Amino acid sequence: MDGKDFLRSRFSMPDSLSTRNAPSELFEGAYYSIIDGDVFSIAKVLKLEPEIVHVRIYKQHFAQRPRSIDPGALTLGSIHDKDGFGMGHLPLRLATFMESDPMFLTHAELQPEELEGYNLWKENAC
């Protein structure tokens, strides 16, 4: 599976299964529920750039779209976890992220450690 297929499998779902009519506005530090195959995941927006959204995807999955979350209960896990893991930093095209039908849940100030992956990416992208 190449990178495009991986993202497509994580962030695609037919429009008819969408639970909302209007997309959420994106904010740095905001948590969103997103479609992740046949379940929902939580993404936190780390940075917004023109046409790119940098997110953190947590390992927790939900059978139904959550209406609220406790950010302190979210974890990334590790590749060794039998029940899956999240991603500390994932740069996505804005259009790709919006296909996951993000729904705003809450906001929390970004912590420096949350931006470590983004900062490494930024240093190597130039």
Protein backbone atom coordinates (compact mmCIF):
# COMPACT_ATOMS: atom_id res chain seq x y z
CA MET A 1 0.00 0.00 0.00
CA ASP A 2 1.54 3.30 -1.02
CA GLY A 3 1.18 6.56 0.93
CA LYS A 4 -1.80 7.76 -1.12
CA ASP A 5 -3.69 4.49 -0.60
CA PHE A 6 -2.95 4.61 3.13
CA LEU A 7 -4.34 8.13 3.45
CA ARG A 8 -7.31 7.29 1.26
CA SER A 9 -8.12 4.29 3.47
CA ARG A 10 -7.84 6.38 6.64
CA PHE A 11 -9.77 9.43 5.47
CA SER A 12 -12.49 8.41 3.07
CA MET A 13 -16.17 7.66 3.48
CA PRO A 14 -19.15 8.18 1.20
CA ASP A 15 -20.82 11.59 1.56
CA SER A 16 -24.14 9.91 2.32
CA LEU A 17 -22.73 8.76 5.67
CA SER A 18 -21.77 12.26 6.74
CA THR A 19 -23.44 13.43 9.94
CA ARG A 20 -23.23 17.16 9.20
CA ASN A 21 -24.04 19.59 6.43
CA ALA A 22 -21.35 22.23 6.93
CA PRO A 23 -17.62 21.67 7.50
CA SER A 24 -15.98 22.83 10.71
CA GLU A 25 -13.63 25.78 10.55
CA LEU A 26 -10.07 24.72 11.37
CA PHE A 27 -8.02 26.20 14.21
CA GLU A 28 -4.55 25.40 15.51
CA GLY A 29 -4.90 23.58 18.82
CA ALA A 30 -8.42 22.38 18.04
CA TYR A 31 -9.58 18.77 18.35
CA TYR A 32 -11.84 17.30 15.68
CA SER A 33 -13.60 13.99 15.27
CA ILE A 34 -12.80 12.59 11.82
CA ILE A 35 -14.01 9.70 9.71
CA ASP A 36 -11.47 6.86 9.79
CA GLY A 37 -12.82 4.04 7.64
CA ASP A 38 -15.90 2.69 9.41
CA VAL A 39 -15.04 4.31 12.77
CA PHE A 40 -14.17 7.79 14.03
CA SER A 41 -10.82 9.04 15.29
CA ILE A 42 -9.64 12.24 16.94
CA ALA A 43 -7.26 14.67 15.24
CA LYS A 44 -5.66 17.75 16.76
CA VAL A 45 -4.58 20.50 14.38
CA LEU A 46 -0.97 21.41 15.07
CA LYS A 47 -0.31 23.93 12.29
CA LEU A 48 -2.21 25.39 9.38
CA GLU A 49 -0.32 26.39 6.26
CA PRO A 50 -1.65 27.28 2.83
CA GLU A 51 -3.17 24.05 1.49
CA ILE A 52 -1.51 21.92 4.23
CA VAL A 53 -2.87 20.96 7.64
CA HIS A 54 -0.53 19.34 10.16
CA VAL A 55 -2.35 17.04 12.55
CA ARG A 56 -1.83 14.63 15.41
CA ILE A 57 -4.01 11.52 15.18
CA TYR A 58 -4.79 9.74 18.43
CA LYS A 59 -5.04 5.96 18.76
CA GLN A 60 -8.54 5.92 20.24
CA HIS A 61 -11.36 4.93 17.87
CA PHE A 62 -15.10 5.35 18.31
CA ALA A 63 -17.95 3.40 16.75
CA GLN A 64 -20.08 6.57 16.73
CA ARG A 65 -18.93 10.15 16.22
CA PRO A 66 -18.11 11.57 19.66
CA ARG A 67 -19.79 14.85 20.58
CA SER A 68 -17.21 15.65 23.26
CA ILE A 69 -13.87 14.32 24.46
CA ASP A 70 -11.48 14.56 27.38
CA PRO A 71 -8.16 15.54 25.76
CA GLY A 72 -6.31 14.15 28.79
CA ALA A 73 -7.63 10.67 28.00
CA LEU A 74 -6.23 10.66 24.45
CA THR A 75 -2.98 8.84 23.71
CA LEU A 76 -0.73 8.16 20.75
CA GLY A 77 0.29 4.71 21.90
CA SER A 78 3.18 2.97 20.15
CA ILE A 79 3.68 0.60 17.24
CA HIS A 80 3.98 -2.17 19.82
CA ASP A 81 0.40 -1.71 21.07
CA LYS A 82 -1.86 -4.57 20.00
CA ASP A 83 -4.86 -2.23 19.78
CA GLY A 84 -3.19 0.21 17.37
CA PHE A 85 -1.40 3.51 17.58
CA GLY A 86 -1.73 7.14 16.56
CA MET A 87 0.62 9.56 14.80
CA GLY A 88 2.36 12.46 16.47
CA HIS A 89 2.63 14.48 13.25
CA LEU A 90 0.97 13.95 9.89
CA PRO A 91 1.07 16.63 7.18
CA LEU A 92 -1.95 16.40 4.88
CA ARG A 93 -3.28 18.35 1.97
CA LEU A 94 -6.10 20.49 3.28
CA ALA A 95 -8.51 18.91 0.81
CA THR A 96 -7.55 15.42 2.02
CA PHE A 97 -8.17 16.35 5.64
CA MET A 98 -11.50 17.96 4.81
CA GLU A 99 -12.59 14.69 3.13
CA SER A 100 -12.45 13.14 6.62
CA ASP A 101 -15.39 15.39 7.56
CA PRO A 102 -13.80 17.05 10.62
CA MET A 103 -16.19 18.11 13.37
CA PHE A 104 -14.94 20.52 16.04
CA LEU A 105 -14.93 19.13 19.59
CA THR A 106 -12.78 21.38 21.79
CA HIS A 107 -9.61 23.45 21.91
CA ALA A 108 -6.46 23.29 24.02
CA GLU A 109 -3.28 25.30 23.88
CA LEU A 110 -0.53 23.57 21.92
CA GLN A 111 2.35 22.31 24.03
CA PRO A 112 5.96 22.54 22.72
CA GLU A 113 6.33 18.74 22.72
CA GLU A 114 3.30 18.43 20.42
CA LEU A 115 5.16 20.45 17.79
CA GLU A 116 8.39 18.41 17.84
CA GLY A 117 7.40 16.31 14.80
CA TYR A 118 6.21 19.38 12.91
CA ASN A 119 9.45 21.23 13.67
CA LEU A 120 11.54 18.29 12.42
CA TRP A 121 9.42 18.12 9.28
CA LYS A 122 9.78 21.87 8.71
CA GLU A 123 13.58 21.74 9.12
CA ASN A 124 13.88 18.92 6.59
CA ALA A 125 11.28 20.24 4.14
CA CYS A 126 13.32 23.36 3.34
